[in-house]
N, C-alpha and C. Protein backbone atom coordinates (compact mmCIF):
# COMPACT_ATOMS: atom_id res chain seq x y z
N UNK A 1 119.38 82.18 18.64
CA UNK A 1 120.23 82.50 17.28
C UNK A 1 121.09 81.51 16.77
N UNK A 2 121.41 81.06 15.98
CA UNK A 2 122.32 80.00 15.42
C UNK A 2 123.69 80.73 15.06
N UNK A 3 124.97 79.95 15.51
CA UNK A 3 126.21 80.36 15.43
C UNK A 3 126.35 80.83 13.59
N UNK A 4 127.33 81.77 13.64
CA UNK A 4 127.43 82.01 12.34
C UNK A 4 129.46 82.14 12.17
N UNK A 5 129.67 81.34 11.14
CA UNK A 5 131.17 81.18 11.11
C UNK A 5 131.40 82.08 9.72
N UNK A 6 132.82 82.50 9.56
CA UNK A 6 133.53 82.49 8.77
C UNK A 6 134.49 81.82 8.31
N UNK A 7 134.68 81.11 7.06
CA UNK A 7 135.54 79.79 6.74
C UNK A 7 136.10 80.16 5.71
N UNK A 8 137.45 80.40 5.66
CA UNK A 8 138.75 80.27 4.81
C UNK A 8 139.20 79.03 4.56
N UNK A 9 139.43 78.68 3.20
CA UNK A 9 140.31 77.45 2.79
C UNK A 9 141.38 77.91 1.92
N UNK A 10 142.17 77.05 2.33
CA UNK A 10 143.66 77.32 1.81
C UNK A 10 144.27 75.84 1.39
N UNK A 11 144.78 76.13 0.11
CA UNK A 11 145.56 74.75 -0.37
C UNK A 11 146.90 74.72 -0.17
N UNK A 12 147.60 75.91 0.63
CA UNK A 12 149.11 75.63 0.74
C UNK A 12 149.04 75.85 2.54
N UNK A 13 150.05 75.22 3.38
CA UNK A 13 150.00 75.09 4.81
C UNK A 13 150.88 76.75 4.97
N UNK A 14 151.51 77.43 4.23
CA UNK A 14 152.37 78.53 4.41
C UNK A 14 151.60 79.66 4.68
N UNK A 15 150.58 79.50 3.36
CA UNK A 15 149.48 80.59 3.56
C UNK A 15 148.42 80.55 4.96
N UNK A 16 148.17 79.20 5.12
CA UNK A 16 147.17 79.17 6.14
C UNK A 16 147.80 79.90 7.38
N UNK A 17 149.64 79.58 7.77
CA UNK A 17 150.02 80.00 8.78
C UNK A 17 150.27 81.78 8.55
N UNK A 18 150.32 82.24 7.64
CA UNK A 18 150.39 83.25 7.41
C UNK A 18 149.28 84.19 7.70
N UNK A 19 148.01 83.63 7.15
CA UNK A 19 146.87 83.89 7.59
C UNK A 19 146.33 84.10 9.05
N UNK A 20 146.62 83.11 9.79
CA UNK A 20 146.61 82.97 11.27
C UNK A 20 147.26 83.99 11.71
N UNK A 21 148.53 84.27 11.73
CA UNK A 21 149.20 85.40 12.13
C UNK A 21 148.43 86.78 11.68
N UNK A 22 148.15 86.86 10.40
CA UNK A 22 147.47 88.07 9.97
C UNK A 22 146.17 88.38 10.75
N UNK A 23 145.41 87.46 10.93
CA UNK A 23 144.28 87.65 11.48
C UNK A 23 144.44 87.61 13.06
N UNK A 24 145.11 86.84 13.79
CA UNK A 24 145.56 87.28 15.09
C UNK A 24 146.00 88.89 15.13
N UNK A 25 146.85 89.37 14.35
CA UNK A 25 147.09 90.66 14.62
C UNK A 25 146.28 91.40 14.53
N UNK A 26 145.28 91.44 13.48
CA UNK A 26 144.38 92.55 13.40
C UNK A 26 143.32 92.20 14.66
N UNK A 27 143.50 91.16 15.57
CA UNK A 27 142.46 91.29 16.86
C UNK A 27 141.39 90.36 16.63
N UNK A 28 141.16 89.68 15.61
CA UNK A 28 140.40 88.72 15.23
C UNK A 28 140.46 87.47 16.38
N UNK A 29 139.40 86.92 16.79
CA UNK A 29 139.47 85.79 17.50
C UNK A 29 139.27 84.27 16.58
N UNK A 30 140.13 83.46 16.65
CA UNK A 30 140.02 82.40 15.73
C UNK A 30 139.32 81.22 16.75
N UNK A 31 138.32 80.63 15.91
CA UNK A 31 137.51 79.71 16.54
C UNK A 31 138.41 78.50 16.59
N UNK A 32 138.79 77.92 15.23
CA UNK A 32 139.64 76.66 14.97
C UNK A 32 140.38 76.80 13.53
N UNK A 33 141.36 75.75 13.63
CA UNK A 33 141.84 75.66 12.34
C UNK A 33 142.02 74.15 12.15
N UNK A 34 141.37 73.84 10.80
CA UNK A 34 141.59 72.39 10.51
C UNK A 34 142.67 72.15 9.41
N UNK A 35 143.25 70.96 9.52
CA UNK A 35 144.63 70.70 8.97
C UNK A 35 144.65 69.02 8.90
N UNK A 36 144.80 68.76 7.40
CA UNK A 36 144.88 67.33 7.56
C UNK A 36 146.23 66.55 7.79
N UNK A 37 147.11 67.55 8.38
CA UNK A 37 148.15 66.89 9.00
C UNK A 37 148.99 68.21 9.83
N UNK A 38 149.65 67.63 10.87
CA UNK A 38 150.38 68.61 11.61
C UNK A 38 151.11 69.68 10.99
N UNK A 39 151.30 71.15 11.35
CA UNK A 39 151.88 72.04 10.77
C UNK A 39 152.76 72.61 11.59
N UNK A 40 153.90 72.37 11.37
CA UNK A 40 154.95 72.88 12.82
C UNK A 40 155.01 74.55 12.80
N UNK A 41 154.67 74.99 14.07
CA UNK A 41 154.45 76.45 14.37
C UNK A 41 153.00 76.57 14.20
N UNK A 42 152.16 76.17 13.81
CA UNK A 42 150.94 76.62 13.78
C UNK A 42 150.29 76.92 15.11
N UNK A 43 150.49 76.04 15.94
CA UNK A 43 150.05 76.12 17.57
C UNK A 43 150.52 77.72 18.09
N UNK A 44 151.79 77.94 17.82
CA UNK A 44 152.48 79.44 18.31
C UNK A 44 151.80 80.35 17.45
N UNK A 45 151.55 79.89 16.31
CA UNK A 45 151.10 81.15 15.55
C UNK A 45 149.42 81.66 16.13
N UNK A 46 148.46 80.51 16.22
CA UNK A 46 147.40 80.63 16.93
C UNK A 46 147.65 80.98 18.42
N UNK A 47 148.51 80.75 19.25
CA UNK A 47 148.66 81.67 20.29
C UNK A 47 147.97 80.67 21.40
N UNK A 48 148.15 79.32 21.10
CA UNK A 48 147.52 78.00 22.28
C UNK A 48 148.50 77.95 23.12
N UNK A 49 147.56 78.05 24.33
CA UNK A 49 148.33 77.64 25.66
C UNK A 49 149.00 76.16 25.74
N UNK A 50 149.44 75.63 26.55
CA UNK A 50 150.08 74.46 26.91
C UNK A 50 148.69 73.43 27.61
N UNK A 51 148.68 72.37 27.17
CA UNK A 51 147.65 71.77 28.00
C UNK A 51 147.28 71.52 29.35
N UNK A 52 146.32 71.45 29.94
CA UNK A 52 146.25 71.02 31.15
C UNK A 52 145.80 69.63 31.62
N UNK A 53 146.18 68.62 30.44
CA UNK A 53 145.86 67.37 30.81
C UNK A 53 146.68 66.93 31.55
N UNK A 54 148.11 67.26 31.77
CA UNK A 54 149.05 66.57 32.86
C UNK A 54 148.48 66.92 34.15
N UNK A 55 147.68 68.14 34.24
CA UNK A 55 147.45 68.21 35.85
C UNK A 55 146.32 67.36 36.39
N UNK A 56 145.58 66.69 35.46
CA UNK A 56 144.35 66.25 35.56
C UNK A 56 145.22 64.58 35.95
N UNK A 57 146.05 64.21 35.23
CA UNK A 57 146.86 63.19 35.33
C UNK A 57 147.51 62.98 36.61
N UNK A 58 148.17 63.99 37.10
CA UNK A 58 148.94 64.17 38.24
C UNK A 58 147.77 64.18 39.34
N UNK A 59 146.77 64.85 39.47
CA UNK A 59 145.45 64.78 40.39
C UNK A 59 145.18 63.25 40.87
N UNK A 60 144.76 62.94 39.72
CA UNK A 60 144.51 61.29 39.77
C UNK A 60 145.22 60.45 40.23
N UNK A 61 146.35 60.25 39.50
CA UNK A 61 147.51 59.49 40.19
C UNK A 61 147.72 59.62 41.47
N UNK A 62 147.68 60.85 42.12
CA UNK A 62 147.73 61.22 43.62
C UNK A 62 146.63 60.43 44.51
N UNK A 63 145.56 60.96 43.47
CA UNK A 63 143.88 60.15 44.69
C UNK A 63 144.20 58.68 44.41
N UNK A 64 144.54 57.72 43.19
CA UNK A 64 144.80 56.74 43.05
C UNK A 64 146.02 56.01 44.22
N UNK A 65 146.96 56.53 44.39
CA UNK A 65 148.24 56.41 45.38
C UNK A 65 147.27 56.44 46.51
N UNK A 66 146.82 57.39 47.11
CA UNK A 66 146.42 57.38 48.39
C UNK A 66 145.03 56.33 48.74
N UNK A 67 144.57 56.02 47.75
CA UNK A 67 143.38 54.99 47.67
C UNK A 67 144.25 53.65 47.97
N UNK A 68 145.17 53.29 46.97
CA UNK A 68 145.86 52.17 47.14
C UNK A 68 146.48 51.86 48.55
N UNK A 69 147.22 52.94 49.07
CA UNK A 69 147.61 52.55 50.33
C UNK A 69 146.72 52.62 51.53
N UNK A 70 145.58 53.59 51.42
CA UNK A 70 144.99 53.27 52.47
C UNK A 70 143.88 52.02 52.32
N UNK A 71 143.44 51.94 51.45
CA UNK A 71 143.17 50.35 51.19
C UNK A 71 143.62 49.16 51.51
N UNK A 72 145.07 49.40 51.19
CA UNK A 72 146.02 48.00 51.54
C UNK A 72 146.08 48.22 53.39
N UNK A 73 146.29 49.39 53.78
CA UNK A 73 146.42 49.56 55.10
C UNK A 73 145.09 48.75 55.71
N UNK A 74 143.86 49.45 55.30
CA UNK A 74 142.73 48.89 55.91
C UNK A 74 142.42 47.27 56.04
N UNK A 75 142.64 47.01 54.66
CA UNK A 75 142.48 45.29 54.68
C UNK A 75 143.69 44.38 55.54
N UNK A 76 145.05 45.08 55.70
CA UNK A 76 145.89 44.27 55.90
C UNK A 76 145.87 44.64 57.66
N UNK A 77 145.58 45.70 57.93
CA UNK A 77 145.78 45.99 59.36
C UNK A 77 144.66 46.26 60.16
N UNK A 78 143.60 46.56 59.93
CA UNK A 78 142.11 47.07 60.41
C UNK A 78 141.32 45.83 60.14
N UNK A 79 141.14 45.42 59.15
CA UNK A 79 139.91 44.45 58.71
C UNK A 79 140.12 43.27 59.04
N UNK A 80 141.65 42.44 58.25
CA UNK A 80 141.72 41.00 58.52
C UNK A 80 143.33 40.77 58.69
N UNK A 81 143.81 41.26 59.69
CA UNK A 81 145.12 40.69 59.67
C UNK A 81 145.54 39.47 59.95
N UNK A 82 146.51 39.01 59.24
CA UNK A 82 146.90 37.78 59.07
C UNK A 82 148.67 37.84 59.37
N UNK A 83 148.83 36.93 60.24
CA UNK A 83 150.29 36.45 60.76
C UNK A 83 150.92 35.77 59.52
N UNK A 84 151.69 36.42 58.57
CA UNK A 84 152.28 35.79 57.36
C UNK A 84 153.80 35.95 57.51
N UNK A 85 154.35 34.54 57.83
CA UNK A 85 155.78 34.49 58.29
C UNK A 85 156.46 35.20 58.96
N UNK A 86 155.67 36.16 60.07
CA UNK A 86 156.00 36.86 61.11
C UNK A 86 156.10 38.46 60.53
N UNK A 87 155.94 38.75 59.57
CA UNK A 87 155.87 40.12 59.05
C UNK A 87 155.23 41.12 59.95
N UNK A 88 155.30 42.30 59.77
CA UNK A 88 154.28 43.12 60.57
C UNK A 88 153.12 43.20 59.91
N UNK A 89 152.07 43.56 60.77
CA UNK A 89 150.46 43.60 59.74
C UNK A 89 151.00 45.22 58.59
N UNK A 90 151.64 45.95 59.08
CA UNK A 90 151.76 47.11 57.97
C UNK A 90 153.15 47.05 57.17
N UNK A 91 153.12 45.87 56.35
CA UNK A 91 154.51 45.82 55.79
C UNK A 91 154.44 46.76 54.28
N UNK A 92 155.00 47.71 54.23
CA UNK A 92 154.48 48.91 53.20
C UNK A 92 155.57 48.25 52.11
N UNK A 93 156.51 47.60 52.18
CA UNK A 93 157.41 47.17 51.15
C UNK A 93 156.47 46.29 50.26
N UNK A 94 155.56 45.63 50.58
CA UNK A 94 154.66 44.24 49.54
C UNK A 94 153.71 45.21 49.14
N UNK A 95 153.50 46.73 49.27
CA UNK A 95 152.27 47.21 48.68
C UNK A 95 152.80 48.09 47.61
N UNK A 96 154.26 48.33 47.49
CA UNK A 96 154.76 49.02 46.27
C UNK A 96 154.30 48.56 45.00
N UNK A 97 154.31 47.47 44.65
CA UNK A 97 153.60 47.24 43.50
C UNK A 97 152.35 47.46 42.88
N UNK A 98 151.42 47.10 43.80
CA UNK A 98 150.21 47.43 43.84
C UNK A 98 149.65 49.07 43.38
N UNK A 99 150.84 49.75 44.56
CA UNK A 99 150.47 51.23 44.55
C UNK A 99 150.92 51.78 43.18
N UNK A 100 152.07 50.94 42.59
CA UNK A 100 152.63 51.90 41.06
C UNK A 100 151.51 51.52 40.20
N UNK A 101 150.93 50.30 40.04
CA UNK A 101 150.34 49.66 39.11
C UNK A 101 148.81 50.18 39.03
N UNK A 102 148.37 50.62 40.50
CA UNK A 102 146.90 51.55 40.24
C UNK A 102 147.20 53.01 39.84
N UNK A 103 148.23 53.82 40.34
CA UNK A 103 148.42 54.83 40.11
C UNK A 103 148.49 55.31 38.20
N UNK A 104 149.39 54.22 37.79
CA UNK A 104 149.48 54.39 36.45
C UNK A 104 148.46 54.07 35.51
N UNK A 105 147.76 52.97 36.16
CA UNK A 105 146.61 52.67 35.21
C UNK A 105 145.51 53.75 35.37
N UNK A 106 145.23 54.21 36.66
CA UNK A 106 144.06 55.06 36.80
C UNK A 106 144.47 56.77 36.39
N UNK A 107 145.53 57.09 36.35
CA UNK A 107 146.16 58.04 35.59
C UNK A 107 145.99 58.07 34.17
N UNK A 108 146.44 56.83 33.71
CA UNK A 108 146.56 56.64 32.05
C UNK A 108 144.70 56.70 31.57
N UNK A 109 144.20 56.23 32.61
CA UNK A 109 142.66 56.16 32.12
C UNK A 109 142.06 57.72 32.16
N UNK A 110 142.42 58.41 33.30
CA UNK A 110 141.98 59.34 33.43
C UNK A 110 142.46 60.28 32.24
N UNK A 111 143.85 60.54 31.64
CA UNK A 111 143.81 61.63 30.84
C UNK A 111 143.11 61.12 29.51
N UNK A 112 142.98 60.03 29.32
CA UNK A 112 142.01 59.75 27.97
C UNK A 112 140.62 59.86 28.09
N UNK A 113 140.03 59.88 29.56
CA UNK A 113 138.76 60.11 29.38
C UNK A 113 138.65 61.81 29.38
N UNK A 114 139.59 62.60 30.12
CA UNK A 114 139.90 64.10 30.00
C UNK A 114 139.74 64.60 28.67
N UNK A 115 140.47 64.09 27.67
CA UNK A 115 140.95 64.45 26.51
C UNK A 115 139.54 64.17 25.80
N UNK A 116 138.91 63.07 25.98
CA UNK A 116 137.66 62.61 25.20
C UNK A 116 136.58 63.72 25.56
N UNK A 117 136.35 64.14 27.09
CA UNK A 117 135.20 64.63 27.53
C UNK A 117 135.76 66.33 26.94
N UNK A 118 136.88 66.81 26.84
CA UNK A 118 137.42 68.24 26.38
C UNK A 118 137.17 68.46 25.13
N UNK A 119 137.44 67.64 24.22
CA UNK A 119 137.33 67.36 22.95
C UNK A 119 135.81 67.29 22.36
N UNK A 120 134.99 66.77 23.11
CA UNK A 120 133.71 66.65 23.16
C UNK A 120 133.55 65.55 21.94
N UNK A 121 134.26 64.19 22.49
CA UNK A 121 134.21 63.33 21.39
C UNK A 121 133.65 61.87 22.11
N UNK A 122 132.48 61.61 21.64
CA UNK A 122 131.99 60.17 22.47
C UNK A 122 131.34 59.49 21.27
N UNK A 123 130.87 58.71 21.89
CA UNK A 123 130.35 57.63 20.60
C UNK A 123 128.93 58.13 20.07
N UNK A 124 128.67 57.73 18.75
CA UNK A 124 127.63 58.07 18.21
C UNK A 124 127.84 60.04 17.62
N UNK A 125 129.10 60.39 18.05
CA UNK A 125 128.88 61.94 17.42
C UNK A 125 129.35 61.79 16.19
N UNK A 126 128.51 62.95 15.50
CA UNK A 126 128.71 62.77 13.91
C UNK A 126 129.56 64.28 13.66
N UNK A 127 130.37 63.74 12.66
CA UNK A 127 131.29 64.93 12.52
C UNK A 127 130.72 65.93 11.62
N UNK A 128 131.36 67.26 11.93
CA UNK A 128 130.97 68.36 10.83
C UNK A 128 132.18 69.26 10.71
N UNK A 129 132.32 69.14 9.24
CA UNK A 129 133.67 69.75 8.79
C UNK A 129 133.29 71.05 8.07
N UNK A 130 133.89 72.01 8.35
CA UNK A 130 133.54 73.10 8.04
C UNK A 130 133.77 73.31 6.23
N UNK A 131 134.45 72.50 5.72
CA UNK A 131 134.76 72.60 4.35
C UNK A 131 134.90 70.97 3.93
N UNK A 132 134.81 71.11 2.38
CA UNK A 132 135.09 69.45 1.82
C UNK A 132 136.72 69.49 1.70
N UNK A 133 137.20 68.45 2.06
CA UNK A 133 138.65 68.26 2.03
C UNK A 133 139.62 68.51 2.86
N UNK A 134 138.99 68.80 4.14
CA UNK A 134 139.98 69.36 5.26
C UNK A 134 140.76 67.93 5.78
N UNK A 135 140.07 66.81 5.43
CA UNK A 135 140.70 65.74 5.99
C UNK A 135 141.59 65.21 5.12
N UNK A 136 141.54 65.83 3.84
CA UNK A 136 142.37 65.42 2.59
C UNK A 136 143.42 66.06 2.04
N UNK A 137 143.20 67.36 1.49
CA UNK A 137 144.11 68.04 0.98
C UNK A 137 144.09 69.76 1.47
N UNK A 138 142.95 70.07 2.09
CA UNK A 138 142.43 71.50 2.28
C UNK A 138 143.04 71.86 3.57
N UNK A 139 143.16 73.39 3.76
CA UNK A 139 143.22 73.82 5.31
C UNK A 139 142.20 74.53 5.13
N UNK A 140 141.52 74.84 6.49
CA UNK A 140 140.61 75.91 6.79
C UNK A 140 140.97 76.27 8.03
N UNK A 141 140.18 77.67 8.05
CA UNK A 141 140.54 78.63 9.08
C UNK A 141 139.38 79.10 9.36
N UNK A 142 138.69 79.21 10.51
CA UNK A 142 137.51 79.60 10.94
C UNK A 142 137.45 80.49 12.11
N UNK A 143 136.79 81.48 12.18
CA UNK A 143 136.48 82.66 12.73
C UNK A 143 134.82 82.52 13.07
N UNK A 144 134.42 82.98 14.20
CA UNK A 144 133.04 82.95 14.75
C UNK A 144 132.48 84.27 14.88
N UNK A 145 131.60 84.21 14.24
CA UNK A 145 130.98 85.75 14.19
C UNK A 145 130.10 85.88 15.64
N UNK A 146 130.59 86.20 16.80
CA UNK A 146 129.89 86.08 18.00
C UNK A 146 129.16 87.53 18.18
N UNK A 147 130.02 88.69 17.97
CA UNK A 147 129.90 89.84 18.54
C UNK A 147 129.31 90.68 17.22
N UNK A 148 128.32 91.89 17.74
CA UNK A 148 127.78 92.68 16.60
C UNK A 148 129.13 93.97 16.33
N UNK A 149 130.19 93.55 16.85
CA UNK A 149 130.96 94.60 15.89
C UNK A 149 132.19 93.88 15.08
N UNK A 150 131.58 92.64 14.68
CA UNK A 150 132.47 91.61 14.00
C UNK A 150 132.35 92.23 12.55
N UNK A 151 133.55 92.57 12.08
CA UNK A 151 133.51 93.16 10.44
C UNK A 151 133.97 92.09 9.63
N UNK A 152 132.93 91.13 9.18
CA UNK A 152 132.90 90.35 8.10
C UNK A 152 133.72 90.63 6.75
N UNK A 153 133.55 91.94 6.56
CA UNK A 153 133.88 92.03 5.00
C UNK A 153 135.43 92.33 5.51
N UNK A 154 135.82 93.09 6.40
CA UNK A 154 137.44 93.18 6.72
C UNK A 154 138.03 92.13 7.03
N UNK A 155 137.43 91.04 7.90
CA UNK A 155 137.97 89.85 7.86
C UNK A 155 138.43 88.98 6.88
N UNK A 156 137.34 88.81 5.85
CA UNK A 156 137.11 88.27 4.46
C UNK A 156 138.40 89.17 3.49
N UNK A 157 138.73 90.22 3.86
CA UNK A 157 139.61 90.92 2.70
C UNK A 157 140.83 90.52 3.16
N UNK A 158 140.87 90.33 4.71
CA UNK A 158 142.32 90.05 5.24
C UNK A 158 142.53 88.72 5.02
N UNK A 159 142.03 87.79 5.01
CA UNK A 159 142.19 86.36 4.63
C UNK A 159 142.19 85.99 3.04
N UNK A 160 141.71 86.96 2.16
CA UNK A 160 141.94 86.50 0.96
C UNK A 160 143.21 87.14 0.37
N UNK A 161 143.50 88.33 1.06
CA UNK A 161 144.91 88.96 1.12
C UNK A 161 146.04 88.02 1.33
N UNK A 162 145.67 86.96 2.38
CA UNK A 162 146.88 86.01 2.93
C UNK A 162 146.89 84.87 2.10
N UNK A 163 145.84 84.86 1.16
CA UNK A 163 145.98 83.63 0.14
C UNK A 163 144.98 82.59 0.20
N UNK A 164 143.77 82.94 0.70
CA UNK A 164 142.81 82.04 0.67
C UNK A 164 142.14 81.83 -0.65
N UNK A 165 142.02 80.41 -0.83
CA UNK A 165 141.19 80.26 -2.25
C UNK A 165 139.58 80.36 -2.18
N UNK A 166 139.14 80.51 -0.93
CA UNK A 166 137.79 80.75 -0.81
C UNK A 166 137.48 81.07 0.63
N UNK A 167 136.38 82.06 0.71
CA UNK A 167 135.92 82.69 1.81
C UNK A 167 134.45 82.46 2.00
N UNK A 168 133.55 82.06 2.89
CA UNK A 168 132.30 81.79 2.85
C UNK A 168 131.73 82.11 4.25
N UNK A 169 130.58 82.06 4.35
CA UNK A 169 129.89 82.38 5.84
C UNK A 169 129.31 81.10 5.97
N UNK A 170 129.26 80.44 7.07
CA UNK A 170 128.40 79.30 7.69
C UNK A 170 127.52 79.20 8.81
N UNK A 171 126.45 78.87 8.80
CA UNK A 171 125.28 79.04 9.90
C UNK A 171 125.23 77.85 10.53
N UNK A 172 125.26 77.55 11.87
CA UNK A 172 124.93 76.39 12.49
C UNK A 172 125.79 76.11 13.40
N UNK A 173 126.33 74.77 13.82
CA UNK A 173 127.20 74.35 15.01
C UNK A 173 128.24 73.39 14.23
N UNK A 174 129.55 73.78 14.56
CA UNK A 174 130.57 72.80 13.81
C UNK A 174 131.16 72.37 14.94
């Protein structure tokens, strides 16, 4: 069964924000909102939570730090210990730059990879826009008709009252 969406297009960002608030107040679940530029306060009106990407970065950073310390300890103390200028084998001050650089490098790469994975952005993916002009001057509010008790007529009326230029149904994947 293909996905069915209800797409409302707006030409005014204030009307879009008002429609998002009205739709959420009537317990409709918003699938996504498409805008050509960021709108202040829209994420709060949509009820979005804070991102969990910093947790990914922190976990990968701690793993990278522990890998750097353990690898340097293994190579300096256990595998190939050299007497360099009378320093002890486990001279941890010499390990600080490599630990820092590896932590920052792998943390940065992990946040980019997690963002691309979560947003389902991969090479060769074709764009699917719900309405023409959402990358230029139009705003779109998309509701997914997933449930059998979804009242499309009520949602359409609600979005038209909020200032939608056009409301239409789409089938397929976005």
